[in-house]
Amino acid sequence: MKKYLLACISFILLFSLIPSLTKTATAVTIDKNKTCTVGTKKTKYFVNVPVTTLWTSPNQVRSIDKLIYEKNPDVSLWNRSLTVSQKLDTLGRIDTQALYGQEVKVIKRQKKWLKVAVTDQYSPKSKQGYIGWVPASHIISTKKNASKCTIVIVKEKVANLYASTKSKQKSMQISFNTILPVIGETNKWYVIQTPAGTKRYIKKAIVHKYRNYASIPKPTAKDLITTGKEFLGLPYLWGGISAYGFDCSGFVYSIYKQHGILIPRDSSVQAVNGKPVSLKNLKPGDLLFFANNNGKGKIHHVAMYIGKGQIIHSPNYNRSLEIRLLQTQPYQNELVSARRYLK
C-alpha cells in the first residue's frame, strides 16, 4: 500500500511540473553571448522619440509647434490641431522627419538644438544625408553597435512597444517603417534593443524580421501598391515620412523603403535618379513627376502609377492621400516625366 501511495505521489509531482516545463520552453530566448551588440570607441547618435522633425533652423519653430519639439512629441495631435493656414506656413520651416531608432550624424550643437544629417535619406546637398535641426532631447548617444543584429521593420501603421510580455501598458507607440535591432524572441514577441540600450517587446504579427536591411526581398509593383493603399485617407503633412502624415515625396520614399529600396527623399531629386521611362510605357510602381506652369516650371509633385490610368499620392493639405485618375486636372497638364526604381 505504501509503495502504491508513493507511486501516486510521484506521478502527481511529475504532472505538476509540466506547466513549468512548458513555460520554460516558451520563455524569452536572449542573445546570451551578446554577439550582435558590441561596444565601440566611436559614439553613435540615434533618434530617441517616435518621430522627430527636422527644421531649417531653430528660430523657425513657432509657439504652436510645441507639440512636436517638446521632449515627448505628438506629431498626430499637432497635425490635427493646426489650421490650414498654419499648415501652409510650415513650408520653408520644416524639411523632413526621422523615425525612432534612425541613425543621425551630429554636425553642430546650438544650445538645446542639434544640426543633424539623417543617414538613410539621400540628398545631393550633403554626402552625410538629409540635414536639419532637431531638439537635442530627441537624440541619444551610445557606444554600442547593433549593426550585426537581425532587424524588425514595422509593417502596420503604428506599433506598440512594451516593457514586458505581460504588461498591457505600452511604453511607446512607434510608426510604420521604424527599424529596430532584435536581441531575442518568444513565440509571439520579439525582444528589441532600444536606442537607449533598454529591452522592449514588440508583437511578431505587426513587423517583418530580416537578417539586415539589404536582405529585404525586392518587391513587385503589387507589393508597393498594396502597402500604399493602406494609407488612403491619411492627412497630408509637409515634410512627413511617418504614419501620422506624408508629403508627396515622403509617401513614395516610405513605401519603397518598407520594401528594401532607398530612393532619394525629395521629388526634384527622385525625378533625376532611377531609370527614365517614356510616358507611353508606364508600368505600375513607376513614379510620375509634375511641374508648375503646365509642366514648364519646376517639379513640385510626385505620385506612384498603379495602372489603368490611375495614380496614388499624397496631394496637399486640402485632400488626404488618395487614388485619382491621371487624366484629371491639373495632373494631366503638369505631368512631365517618369522614373522606374523597380528592377
C-alpha atoms as a PDB file:
ATOM      1  CA  MET A   1       0.000   0.000   0.000  1.00  0.00           C
ATOM      2  CA  LYS A   2       2.852   2.387   0.869  1.00  0.00           C
ATOM      3  CA  LYS A   3       4.539   1.642  -2.455  1.00  0.00           C
ATOM      4  CA  TYR A   4       1.258   2.399  -4.211  1.00  0.00           C
ATOM      5  CA  LEU A   5       0.907   5.755  -2.400  1.00  0.00           C
ATOM      6  CA  LEU A   6       4.498   6.705  -3.156  1.00  0.00           C
ATOM      7  CA  ALA A   7       3.947   5.916  -6.820  1.00  0.00           C
ATOM      8  CA  CYS A   8       0.797   8.071  -6.909  1.00  0.00           C
ATOM      9  CA  ILE A   9       2.566  10.978  -5.201  1.00  0.00           C
ATOM     10  CA  SER A  10       5.492  10.758  -7.635  1.00  0.00           C
ATOM     11  CA  PHE A  11       3.096  10.780 -10.577  1.00  0.00           C
ATOM     12  CA  ILE A  12       1.247  13.826  -9.207  1.00  0.00           C
ATOM     13  CA  LEU A  13       4.503  15.711  -8.621  1.00  0.00           C
ATOM     14  CA  LEU A  14       5.721  14.942 -12.129  1.00  0.00           C
ATOM     15  CA  PHE A  15       2.413  16.021 -13.637  1.00  0.00           C
ATOM     16  CA  SER A  16       2.519  19.284 -11.667  1.00  0.00           C
ATOM     17  CA  LEU A  17       5.882  20.140 -13.264  1.00  0.00           C
ATOM     18  CA  ILE A  18       4.516  20.008 -16.817  1.00  0.00           C
ATOM     19  CA  PRO A  19       3.225  23.650 -16.864  1.00  0.00           C
ATOM     20  CA  SER A  20       6.586  24.774 -15.518  1.00  0.00           C
ATOM     21  CA  LEU A  21       8.423  22.822 -18.196  1.00  0.00           C
ATOM     22  CA  THR A  22       6.112  24.218 -20.846  1.00  0.00           C
ATOM     23  CA  LYS A  23       6.693  27.737 -19.558  1.00  0.00           C
ATOM     24  CA  THR A  24      10.439  27.231 -19.742  1.00  0.00           C
ATOM     25  CA  ALA A  25      10.126  26.051 -23.338  1.00  0.00           C
ATOM     26  CA  THR A  26       8.334  29.279 -24.359  1.00  0.00           C
ATOM     27  CA  ALA A  27      10.485  31.629 -22.301  1.00  0.00           C
ATOM     28  CA  VAL A  28      12.367  34.501 -23.863  1.00  0.00           C
ATOM     29  CA  THR A  29      15.408  33.464 -25.822  1.00  0.00           C
ATOM     30  CA  ILE A  30      18.043  36.170 -25.405  1.00  0.00           C
ATOM     31  CA  ASP A  31      21.323  36.564 -27.243  1.00  0.00           C
ATOM     32  CA  LYS A  32      23.282  35.385 -24.181  1.00  0.00           C
ATOM     33  CA  ASN A  33      26.662  35.908 -25.783  1.00  0.00           C
ATOM     34  CA  LYS A  34      25.667  39.403 -26.915  1.00  0.00           C
ATOM     35  CA  THR A  35      27.274  38.663 -30.257  1.00  0.00           C
ATOM     36  CA  CYS A  36      25.119  41.135 -32.152  1.00  0.00           C
ATOM     37  CA  THR A  37      25.705  44.128 -29.854  1.00  0.00           C
ATOM     38  CA  VAL A  38      29.283  45.152 -29.310  1.00  0.00           C
ATOM     39  CA  GLY A  39      30.998  48.060 -27.643  1.00  0.00           C
ATOM     40  CA  THR A  40      32.765  50.606 -29.792  1.00  0.00           C
ATOM     41  CA  LYS A  41      35.014  53.597 -29.222  1.00  0.00           C
ATOM     42  CA  LYS A  42      33.018  55.625 -31.726  1.00  0.00           C
ATOM     43  CA  THR A  43      29.934  57.445 -30.436  1.00  0.00           C
ATOM     44  CA  LYS A  44      26.785  56.917 -32.465  1.00  0.00           C
ATOM     45  CA  TYR A  45      23.626  59.028 -32.375  1.00  0.00           C
ATOM     46  CA  PHE A  46      20.044  57.818 -32.772  1.00  0.00           C
ATOM     47  CA  VAL A  47      16.544  59.268 -32.719  1.00  0.00           C
ATOM     48  CA  ASN A  48      15.023  58.511 -29.304  1.00  0.00           C
ATOM     49  CA  VAL A  49      11.411  59.624 -29.888  1.00  0.00           C
ATOM     50  CA  PRO A  50       8.743  58.090 -32.168  1.00  0.00           C
ATOM     51  CA  VAL A  51       9.188  60.865 -34.758  1.00  0.00           C
ATOM     52  CA  THR A  52      11.454  63.887 -34.761  1.00  0.00           C
ATOM     53  CA  THR A  53      11.028  66.816 -37.148  1.00  0.00           C
ATOM     54  CA  LEU A  54      13.964  68.453 -38.927  1.00  0.00           C
ATOM     55  CA  TRP A  55      13.710  72.246 -39.092  1.00  0.00           C
ATOM     56  CA  THR A  56      15.591  74.609 -41.398  1.00  0.00           C
ATOM     57  CA  SER A  57      16.801  76.418 -38.270  1.00  0.00           C
ATOM     58  CA  PRO A  58      15.827  76.586 -34.569  1.00  0.00           C
ATOM     59  CA  ASN A  59      14.362  80.084 -34.981  1.00  0.00           C
ATOM     60  CA  GLN A  60      11.806  78.750 -37.491  1.00  0.00           C
ATOM     61  CA  VAL A  61       9.906  76.967 -34.721  1.00  0.00           C
ATOM     62  CA  ARG A  62       6.611  78.617 -33.759  1.00  0.00           C
ATOM     63  CA  SER A  63       4.858  78.531 -30.381  1.00  0.00           C
ATOM     64  CA  ILE A  64       2.109  76.391 -31.941  1.00  0.00           C
ATOM     65  CA  ASP A  65       4.762  73.767 -32.738  1.00  0.00           C
ATOM     66  CA  LYS A  66       5.419  72.938 -29.095  1.00  0.00           C
ATOM     67  CA  LEU A  67       3.673  69.583 -29.537  1.00  0.00           C
ATOM     68  CA  ILE A  68       6.438  68.331 -31.805  1.00  0.00           C
ATOM     69  CA  TYR A  69       9.573  69.933 -30.380  1.00  0.00           C
ATOM     70  CA  GLU A  70       8.962  69.121 -26.730  1.00  0.00           C
ATOM     71  CA  LYS A  71      10.592  66.105 -25.059  1.00  0.00           C
ATOM     72  CA  ASN A  72       7.684  63.776 -25.889  1.00  0.00           C
ATOM     73  CA  PRO A  73       6.445  64.936 -29.307  1.00  0.00           C
ATOM     74  CA  ASP A  74       2.975  64.104 -30.648  1.00  0.00           C
ATOM     75  CA  VAL A  75       3.007  64.578 -34.435  1.00  0.00           C
ATOM     76  CA  SER A  76      -0.501  63.207 -34.929  1.00  0.00           C
ATOM     77  CA  LEU A  77      -2.127  65.606 -32.447  1.00  0.00           C
ATOM     78  CA  TRP A  78      -0.065  68.532 -33.772  1.00  0.00           C
ATOM     79  CA  ASN A  79      -1.137  67.873 -37.374  1.00  0.00           C
ATOM     80  CA  ARG A  80      -4.803  67.641 -36.356  1.00  0.00           C
ATOM     81  CA  SER A  81      -4.677  70.816 -34.268  1.00  0.00           C
ATOM     82  CA  LEU A  82      -3.290  73.186 -36.926  1.00  0.00           C
ATOM     83  CA  THR A  83      -5.432  75.322 -39.186  1.00  0.00           C
ATOM     84  CA  VAL A  84      -4.876  75.116 -42.946  1.00  0.00           C
ATOM     85  CA  SER A  85      -3.020  78.441 -42.950  1.00  0.00           C
ATOM     86  CA  GLN A  86      -0.793  77.266 -40.086  1.00  0.00           C
ATOM     87  CA  LYS A  87      -0.058  74.072 -42.012  1.00  0.00           C
ATOM     88  CA  LEU A  88       0.806  76.014 -45.156  1.00  0.00           C
ATOM     89  CA  ASP A  89       3.160  78.129 -43.064  1.00  0.00           C
ATOM     90  CA  THR A  90       5.321  75.053 -42.377  1.00  0.00           C
ATOM     91  CA  LEU A  91       6.666  75.366 -45.941  1.00  0.00           C
ATOM     92  CA  GLY A  92      10.216  76.645 -45.607  1.00  0.00           C
ATOM     93  CA  ARG A  93      10.310  75.840 -41.893  1.00  0.00           C
ATOM     94  CA  ILE A  94      10.253  72.018 -41.959  1.00  0.00           C
ATOM     95  CA  ASP A  95      12.449  69.855 -44.193  1.00  0.00           C
ATOM     96  CA  THR A  96      11.783  66.211 -43.283  1.00  0.00           C
ATOM     97  CA  GLN A  97      11.399  63.837 -40.350  1.00  0.00           C
ATOM     98  CA  ALA A  98      13.264  60.867 -38.856  1.00  0.00           C
ATOM     99  CA  LEU A  99      11.904  57.860 -37.006  1.00  0.00           C
ATOM    100  CA  TYR A 100      12.713  56.178 -33.710  1.00  0.00           C
ATOM    101  CA  GLY A 101      15.992  54.290 -33.913  1.00  0.00           C
ATOM    102  CA  GLN A 102      17.234  56.022 -37.076  1.00  0.00           C
ATOM    103  CA  GLU A 103      20.912  56.901 -37.015  1.00  0.00           C
ATOM    104  CA  VAL A 104      21.899  60.521 -37.490  1.00  0.00           C
ATOM    105  CA  LYS A 105      25.217  62.328 -37.774  1.00  0.00           C
ATOM    106  CA  VAL A 106      25.589  65.285 -35.426  1.00  0.00           C
ATOM    107  CA  ILE A 107      27.074  68.253 -37.258  1.00  0.00           C
ATOM    108  CA  LYS A 108      26.621  71.137 -34.834  1.00  0.00           C
ATOM    109  CA  ARG A 109      25.171  71.973 -31.421  1.00  0.00           C
ATOM    110  CA  GLN A 110      23.375  75.214 -30.610  1.00  0.00           C
ATOM    111  CA  LYS A 111      22.036  75.431 -27.059  1.00  0.00           C
ATOM    112  CA  LYS A 112      19.154  72.914 -26.922  1.00  0.00           C
ATOM    113  CA  TRP A 113      19.297  72.084 -30.619  1.00  0.00           C
ATOM    114  CA  LEU A 114      21.387  69.795 -32.827  1.00  0.00           C
ATOM    115  CA  LYS A 115      22.101  70.120 -36.510  1.00  0.00           C
ATOM    116  CA  VAL A 116      21.991  66.553 -37.831  1.00  0.00           C
ATOM    117  CA  ALA A 117      22.082  64.549 -41.038  1.00  0.00           C
ATOM    118  CA  VAL A 118      19.685  61.593 -41.453  1.00  0.00           C
ATOM    119  CA  THR A 119      21.976  58.987 -42.960  1.00  0.00           C
ATOM    120  CA  ASP A 120      19.404  56.972 -44.933  1.00  0.00           C
ATOM    121  CA  GLN A 121      17.692  59.956 -46.567  1.00  0.00           C
ATOM    122  CA  TYR A 122      19.723  60.838 -49.641  1.00  0.00           C
ATOM    123  CA  SER A 123      20.156  64.469 -50.597  1.00  0.00           C
ATOM    124  CA  PRO A 124      22.636  65.900 -53.113  1.00  0.00           C
ATOM    125  CA  LYS A 125      23.227  68.758 -50.678  1.00  0.00           C
ATOM    126  CA  SER A 126      25.212  66.541 -48.302  1.00  0.00           C
ATOM    127  CA  LYS A 127      27.013  63.197 -48.541  1.00  0.00           C
ATOM    128  CA  GLN A 128      26.144  62.600 -44.889  1.00  0.00           C
ATOM    129  CA  GLY A 129      22.387  62.591 -45.527  1.00  0.00           C
ATOM    130  CA  TYR A 130      19.435  64.940 -45.223  1.00  0.00           C
ATOM    131  CA  ILE A 131      20.312  67.870 -42.972  1.00  0.00           C
ATOM    132  CA  GLY A 132      18.176  69.807 -40.496  1.00  0.00           C
ATOM    133  CA  TRP A 133      17.830  70.954 -36.890  1.00  0.00           C
ATOM    134  CA  VAL A 134      16.224  68.821 -34.169  1.00  0.00           C
ATOM    135  CA  PRO A 135      15.742  69.255 -30.413  1.00  0.00           C
ATOM    136  CA  ALA A 136      18.732  67.773 -28.575  1.00  0.00           C
ATOM    137  CA  SER A 137      16.309  65.938 -26.268  1.00  0.00           C
ATOM    138  CA  HIS A 138      15.166  63.836 -29.259  1.00  0.00           C
ATOM    139  CA  ILE A 139      18.630  62.360 -29.833  1.00  0.00           C
ATOM    140  CA  ILE A 140      20.568  59.866 -27.715  1.00  0.00           C
ATOM    141  CA  SER A 141      24.216  58.872 -27.945  1.00  0.00           C
ATOM    142  CA  THR A 142      25.632  55.396 -27.470  1.00  0.00           C
ATOM    143  CA  LYS A 143      28.858  53.478 -27.821  1.00  0.00           C
ATOM    144  CA  LYS A 144      27.054  50.234 -28.585  1.00  0.00           C
ATOM    145  CA  ASN A 145      26.982  48.942 -32.145  1.00  0.00           C
ATOM    146  CA  ALA A 146      23.972  46.779 -33.048  1.00  0.00           C
ATOM    147  CA  SER A 147      24.655  46.612 -36.797  1.00  0.00           C
ATOM    148  CA  LYS A 148      25.224  42.842 -36.608  1.00  0.00           C
ATOM    149  CA  CYS A 149      21.776  42.194 -35.113  1.00  0.00           C
ATOM    150  CA  THR A 150      18.836  40.967 -37.118  1.00  0.00           C
ATOM    151  CA  ILE A 151      16.186  43.669 -37.539  1.00  0.00           C
ATOM    152  CA  VAL A 152      12.457  44.153 -37.463  1.00  0.00           C
ATOM    153  CA  ILE A 153      10.645  46.754 -39.538  1.00  0.00           C
ATOM    154  CA  VAL A 154       7.134  47.864 -38.558  1.00  0.00           C
ATOM    155  CA  LYS A 155       4.643  46.969 -41.304  1.00  0.00           C
ATOM    156  CA  GLU A 156       1.474  48.279 -39.634  1.00  0.00           C
ATOM    157  CA  LYS A 157       0.580  51.969 -39.428  1.00  0.00           C
ATOM    158  CA  VAL A 158       1.618  52.063 -35.791  1.00  0.00           C
ATOM    159  CA  ALA A 159       3.037  49.556 -33.309  1.00  0.00           C
ATOM    160  CA  ASN A 160       3.338  49.489 -29.538  1.00  0.00           C
ATOM    161  CA  LEU A 161       6.453  48.684 -27.535  1.00  0.00           C
ATOM    162  CA  TYR A 162       6.015  47.037 -24.130  1.00  0.00           C
ATOM    163  CA  ALA A 163       8.264  46.691 -21.083  1.00  0.00           C
ATOM    164  CA  SER A 164       7.191  43.046 -20.737  1.00  0.00           C
ATOM    165  CA  THR A 165       5.014  40.493 -22.498  1.00  0.00           C
ATOM    166  CA  LYS A 166       2.577  40.543 -19.561  1.00  0.00           C
ATOM    167  CA  SER A 167       2.150  44.307 -19.471  1.00  0.00           C
ATOM    168  CA  LYS A 168      -0.914  45.881 -21.077  1.00  0.00           C
ATOM    169  CA  GLN A 169       0.624  49.326 -20.649  1.00  0.00           C
ATOM    170  CA  LYS A 170       2.540  50.401 -23.759  1.00  0.00           C
ATOM    171  CA  SER A 171       5.868  52.091 -23.191  1.00  0.00           C
ATOM    172  CA  MET A 172       5.823  53.820 -26.580  1.00  0.00           C
ATOM    173  CA  GLN A 173       3.882  53.927 -29.838  1.00  0.00           C
ATOM    174  CA  ILE A 174       6.085  53.872 -32.945  1.00  0.00           C
ATOM    175  CA  SER A 175       5.403  54.438 -36.632  1.00  0.00           C
ATOM    176  CA  PHE A 176       5.288  52.353 -39.783  1.00  0.00           C
ATOM    177  CA  ASN A 177       8.812  51.814 -41.164  1.00  0.00           C
ATOM    178  CA  THR A 178      10.540  52.022 -37.781  1.00  0.00           C
ATOM    179  CA  ILE A 179      13.542  49.677 -37.830  1.00  0.00           C
ATOM    180  CA  LEU A 180      14.987  48.205 -34.621  1.00  0.00           C
ATOM    181  CA  PRO A 181      17.587  45.522 -33.714  1.00  0.00           C
ATOM    182  CA  VAL A 182      16.407  42.156 -32.372  1.00  0.00           C
ATOM    183  CA  ILE A 183      18.161  40.601 -29.364  1.00  0.00           C
ATOM    184  CA  GLY A 184      15.727  37.777 -28.558  1.00  0.00           C
ATOM    185  CA  GLU A 185      12.239  36.345 -29.052  1.00  0.00           C
ATOM    186  CA  THR A 186       9.367  34.275 -27.679  1.00  0.00           C
ATOM    187  CA  ASN A 187       6.609  32.505 -29.594  1.00  0.00           C
ATOM    188  CA  LYS A 188       4.652  35.724 -30.159  1.00  0.00           C
ATOM    189  CA  TRP A 189       7.121  38.508 -29.359  1.00  0.00           C
ATOM    190  CA  TYR A 190      10.458  39.898 -30.487  1.00  0.00           C
ATOM    191  CA  VAL A 191      12.774  41.396 -27.920  1.00  0.00           C
ATOM    192  CA  ILE A 192      14.304  44.556 -29.311  1.00  0.00           C
ATOM    193  CA  GLN A 193      17.059  46.824 -28.083  1.00  0.00           C
ATOM    194  CA  THR A 194      16.061  50.463 -27.899  1.00  0.00           C
ATOM    195  CA  PRO A 195      18.402  53.336 -28.820  1.00  0.00           C
ATOM    196  CA  ALA A 196      18.834  53.854 -25.051  1.00  0.00           C
ATOM    197  CA  GLY A 197      20.049  50.265 -24.689  1.00  0.00           C
ATOM    198  CA  THR A 198      16.988  49.004 -22.820  1.00  0.00           C
ATOM    199  CA  LYS A 199      14.967  45.897 -23.635  1.00  0.00           C
ATOM    200  CA  ARG A 200      11.449  46.180 -25.050  1.00  0.00           C
ATOM    201  CA  TYR A 201       8.913  43.789 -26.582  1.00  0.00           C
ATOM    202  CA  ILE A 202       7.001  44.049 -29.860  1.00  0.00           C
ATOM    203  CA  LYS A 203       4.406  41.655 -31.279  1.00  0.00           C
ATOM    204  CA  LYS A 204       5.670  39.484 -34.133  1.00  0.00           C
ATOM    205  CA  ALA A 205       2.430  39.891 -36.086  1.00  0.00           C
ATOM    206  CA  ILE A 206       2.980  43.598 -36.766  1.00  0.00           C
ATOM    207  CA  VAL A 207       6.572  43.526 -38.011  1.00  0.00           C
ATOM    208  CA  HIS A 208       8.776  41.837 -40.601  1.00  0.00           C
ATOM    209  CA  LYS A 209      12.058  40.313 -39.467  1.00  0.00           C
ATOM    210  CA  TYR A 210      15.154  40.284 -41.686  1.00  0.00           C
ATOM    211  CA  ARG A 211      18.828  39.427 -41.308  1.00  0.00           C
ATOM    212  CA  ASN A 212      19.589  43.053 -42.228  1.00  0.00           C
ATOM    213  CA  TYR A 213      18.124  45.786 -44.408  1.00  0.00           C
ATOM    214  CA  ALA A 214      19.977  44.614 -47.517  1.00  0.00           C
ATOM    215  CA  SER A 215      18.321  41.188 -47.214  1.00  0.00           C
ATOM    216  CA  ILE A 216      14.764  42.519 -47.643  1.00  0.00           C
ATOM    217  CA  PRO A 217      13.320  40.758 -50.739  1.00  0.00           C
ATOM    218  CA  LYS A 218      12.902  43.049 -53.717  1.00  0.00           C
ATOM    219  CA  PRO A 219       9.222  43.880 -54.154  1.00  0.00           C
ATOM    220  CA  THR A 220       6.829  43.579 -57.040  1.00  0.00           C
ATOM    221  CA  ALA A 221       4.727  46.542 -58.131  1.00  0.00           C
ATOM    222  CA  LYS A 222       1.769  44.841 -56.456  1.00  0.00           C
ATOM    223  CA  ASP A 223       3.659  44.820 -53.134  1.00  0.00           C
ATOM    224  CA  LEU A 224       4.282  48.564 -53.351  1.00  0.00           C
ATOM    225  CA  ILE A 225       0.707  49.370 -54.331  1.00  0.00           C
ATOM    226  CA  THR A 226      -0.811  47.165 -51.635  1.00  0.00           C
ATOM    227  CA  THR A 227       1.300  48.895 -48.981  1.00  0.00           C
ATOM    228  CA  GLY A 228       0.469  52.330 -50.377  1.00  0.00           C
ATOM    229  CA  LYS A 229      -3.272  51.661 -50.260  1.00  0.00           C
ATOM    230  CA  GLU A 230      -3.044  51.048 -46.508  1.00  0.00           C
ATOM    231  CA  PHE A 231      -2.651  54.811 -46.080  1.00  0.00           C
ATOM    232  CA  LEU A 232      -5.623  56.009 -48.136  1.00  0.00           C
ATOM    233  CA  GLY A 233      -7.279  58.865 -46.265  1.00  0.00           C
ATOM    234  CA  LEU A 234      -4.159  59.804 -44.280  1.00  0.00           C
ATOM    235  CA  PRO A 235      -3.860  63.584 -43.800  1.00  0.00           C
ATOM    236  CA  TYR A 236      -1.114  65.377 -45.736  1.00  0.00           C
ATOM    237  CA  LEU A 237       1.882  66.705 -43.818  1.00  0.00           C
ATOM    238  CA  TRP A 238       4.662  68.786 -45.331  1.00  0.00           C
ATOM    239  CA  GLY A 239       7.968  67.033 -44.593  1.00  0.00           C
ATOM    240  CA  GLY A 240       6.136  63.960 -43.293  1.00  0.00           C
ATOM    241  CA  ILE A 241       7.599  60.457 -43.551  1.00  0.00           C
ATOM    242  CA  SER A 242       5.583  58.690 -40.832  1.00  0.00           C
ATOM    243  CA  ALA A 243       2.185  57.060 -40.466  1.00  0.00           C
ATOM    244  CA  TYR A 244       0.983  60.316 -38.872  1.00  0.00           C
ATOM    245  CA  GLY A 245       1.248  62.160 -42.198  1.00  0.00           C
ATOM    246  CA  PHE A 246       3.162  62.116 -45.503  1.00  0.00           C
ATOM    247  CA  ASP A 247       4.046  64.749 -48.042  1.00  0.00           C
ATOM    248  CA  CYS A 248       4.113  63.593 -51.681  1.00  0.00           C
ATOM    249  CA  SER A 249       7.763  62.555 -51.861  1.00  0.00           C
ATOM    250  CA  GLY A 250       7.771  61.299 -48.281  1.00  0.00           C
ATOM    251  CA  PHE A 251       4.972  58.904 -49.200  1.00  0.00           C
ATOM    252  CA  VAL A 252       6.732  57.238 -52.142  1.00  0.00           C
ATOM    253  CA  TYR A 253      10.068  57.308 -50.278  1.00  0.00           C
ATOM    254  CA  SER A 254       8.452  55.484 -47.337  1.00  0.00           C
ATOM    255  CA  ILE A 255       6.637  52.882 -49.450  1.00  0.00           C
ATOM    256  CA  TYR A 256       9.834  51.967 -51.284  1.00  0.00           C
ATOM    257  CA  LYS A 257      11.828  51.952 -48.032  1.00  0.00           C
ATOM    258  CA  GLN A 258       9.427  49.446 -46.472  1.00  0.00           C
ATOM    259  CA  HIS A 259      10.347  47.069 -49.279  1.00  0.00           C
ATOM    260  CA  GLY A 260      14.121  47.444 -49.138  1.00  0.00           C
ATOM    261  CA  ILE A 261      14.659  50.166 -51.740  1.00  0.00           C
ATOM    262  CA  LEU A 262      16.092  53.511 -50.629  1.00  0.00           C
ATOM    263  CA  ILE A 263      15.265  56.276 -53.094  1.00  0.00           C
ATOM    264  CA  PRO A 264      16.078  59.999 -52.703  1.00  0.00           C
ATOM    265  CA  ARG A 265      13.935  61.942 -50.232  1.00  0.00           C
ATOM    266  CA  ASP A 266      12.718  64.867 -52.388  1.00  0.00           C
ATOM    267  CA  SER A 267      10.661  64.765 -55.591  1.00  0.00           C
ATOM    268  CA  SER A 268      13.073  67.003 -57.528  1.00  0.00           C
ATOM    269  CA  VAL A 269      15.888  64.533 -56.763  1.00  0.00           C
ATOM    270  CA  GLN A 270      13.739  61.450 -57.289  1.00  0.00           C
ATOM    271  CA  ALA A 271      12.996  62.832 -60.763  1.00  0.00           C
ATOM    272  CA  VAL A 272      16.641  62.670 -61.880  1.00  0.00           C
ATOM    273  CA  ASN A 273      17.540  59.288 -60.412  1.00  0.00           C
ATOM    274  CA  GLY A 274      16.278  55.803 -61.161  1.00  0.00           C
ATOM    275  CA  LYS A 275      15.645  54.789 -64.787  1.00  0.00           C
ATOM    276  CA  PRO A 276      13.966  57.224 -67.207  1.00  0.00           C
ATOM    277  CA  VAL A 277      10.678  55.868 -68.559  1.00  0.00           C
ATOM    278  CA  SER A 278       8.618  57.011 -71.532  1.00  0.00           C
ATOM    279  CA  LEU A 279       5.168  58.232 -70.544  1.00  0.00           C
ATOM    280  CA  LYS A 280       3.820  55.838 -73.181  1.00  0.00           C
ATOM    281  CA  ASN A 281       5.411  52.839 -71.473  1.00  0.00           C
ATOM    282  CA  LEU A 282       4.365  53.273 -67.872  1.00  0.00           C
ATOM    283  CA  LYS A 283       4.203  50.290 -65.542  1.00  0.00           C
ATOM    284  CA  PRO A 284       2.654  50.041 -62.063  1.00  0.00           C
ATOM    285  CA  GLY A 285       5.157  51.183 -59.449  1.00  0.00           C
ATOM    286  CA  ASP A 286       6.695  53.882 -61.673  1.00  0.00           C
ATOM    287  CA  LEU A 287       6.980  57.372 -60.210  1.00  0.00           C
ATOM    288  CA  LEU A 288       5.373  60.253 -62.087  1.00  0.00           C
ATOM    289  CA  PHE A 289       6.525  63.850 -61.751  1.00  0.00           C
ATOM    290  CA  PHE A 290       4.571  67.066 -62.156  1.00  0.00           C
ATOM    291  CA  ALA A 291       5.756  70.625 -62.715  1.00  0.00           C
ATOM    292  CA  ASN A 292       4.300  74.097 -62.242  1.00  0.00           C
ATOM    293  CA  ASN A 293       3.190  76.301 -65.124  1.00  0.00           C
ATOM    294  CA  ASN A 294       1.546  73.421 -67.028  1.00  0.00           C
ATOM    295  CA  GLY A 295       4.695  71.338 -66.953  1.00  0.00           C
ATOM    296  CA  LYS A 296       7.113  74.108 -67.909  1.00  0.00           C
ATOM    297  CA  GLY A 297       8.231  75.100 -64.398  1.00  0.00           C
ATOM    298  CA  LYS A 298       9.932  73.342 -61.515  1.00  0.00           C
ATOM    299  CA  ILE A 299       8.886  69.871 -60.383  1.00  0.00           C
ATOM    300  CA  HIS A 300       6.651  70.207 -57.341  1.00  0.00           C
ATOM    301  CA  HIS A 301       4.861  66.873 -57.024  1.00  0.00           C
ATOM    302  CA  VAL A 302       5.318  63.104 -57.340  1.00  0.00           C
ATOM    303  CA  ALA A 303       2.847  60.225 -57.461  1.00  0.00           C
ATOM    304  CA  MET A 304       3.016  56.467 -57.964  1.00  0.00           C
ATOM    305  CA  TYR A 305       1.399  54.960 -61.046  1.00  0.00           C
ATOM    306  CA  ILE A 306      -0.817  51.975 -60.142  1.00  0.00           C
ATOM    307  CA  GLY A 307      -2.137  51.025 -63.594  1.00  0.00           C
ATOM    308  CA  LYS A 308      -5.371  51.642 -65.531  1.00  0.00           C
ATOM    309  CA  GLY A 309      -4.573  55.340 -65.798  1.00  0.00           C
ATOM    310  CA  GLN A 310      -4.568  55.843 -62.025  1.00  0.00           C
ATOM    311  CA  ILE A 311      -2.123  57.292 -59.503  1.00  0.00           C
ATOM    312  CA  ILE A 312      -1.837  57.051 -55.737  1.00  0.00           C
ATOM    313  CA  HIS A 313      -0.392  60.077 -53.976  1.00  0.00           C
ATOM    314  CA  SER A 314      -0.432  62.456 -51.006  1.00  0.00           C
ATOM    315  CA  PRO A 315      -1.638  65.632 -52.784  1.00  0.00           C
ATOM    316  CA  ASN A 316      -1.882  68.616 -50.421  1.00  0.00           C
ATOM    317  CA  TYR A 317      -3.488  69.981 -47.259  1.00  0.00           C
ATOM    318  CA  ASN A 318      -6.873  70.234 -48.971  1.00  0.00           C
ATOM    319  CA  ARG A 319      -7.087  66.497 -49.718  1.00  0.00           C
ATOM    320  CA  SER A 320      -5.906  63.342 -47.962  1.00  0.00           C
ATOM    321  CA  LEU A 321      -3.887  60.517 -49.506  1.00  0.00           C
ATOM    322  CA  GLU A 322      -5.908  59.263 -52.445  1.00  0.00           C
ATOM    323  CA  ILE A 323      -6.209  57.392 -55.743  1.00  0.00           C
ATOM    324  CA  ARG A 324      -7.005  59.599 -58.715  1.00  0.00           C
ATOM    325  CA  LEU A 325      -7.225  59.353 -62.494  1.00  0.00           C
ATOM    326  CA  LEU A 326      -4.134  60.703 -64.204  1.00  0.00           C
ATOM    327  CA  GLN A 327      -6.288  62.410 -66.833  1.00  0.00           C
ATOM    328  CA  THR A 328      -7.845  64.763 -64.271  1.00  0.00           C
ATOM    329  CA  GLN A 329      -6.525  68.291 -63.909  1.00  0.00           C
ATOM    330  CA  PRO A 330      -4.102  69.682 -63.036  1.00  0.00           C
ATOM    331  CA  TYR A 331      -2.214  66.384 -63.289  1.00  0.00           C
ATOM    332  CA  GLN A 332      -2.763  65.792 -66.978  1.00  0.00           C
ATOM    333  CA  ASN A 333      -1.282  69.174 -67.929  1.00  0.00           C
ATOM    334  CA  GLU A 334       1.504  69.140 -65.321  1.00  0.00           C
ATOM    335  CA  LEU A 335       2.861  65.629 -65.995  1.00  0.00           C
ATOM    336  CA  VAL A 336       6.425  65.920 -67.298  1.00  0.00           C
ATOM    337  CA  SER A 337       8.368  62.700 -66.663  1.00  0.00           C
ATOM    338  CA  ALA A 338       8.526  59.247 -65.113  1.00  0.00           C
ATOM    339  CA  ARG A 339      11.213  57.207 -63.372  1.00  0.00           C
ATOM    340  CA  ARG A 340      11.450  53.497 -62.588  1.00  0.00           C
ATOM    341  CA  TYR A 341      13.103  52.280 -59.385  1.00  0.00           C
ATOM    342  CA  LEU A 342      11.925  48.674 -59.659  1.00  0.00           C
ATOM    343  CA  LYS A 343      14.266  46.312 -61.486  1.00  0.00           C
END
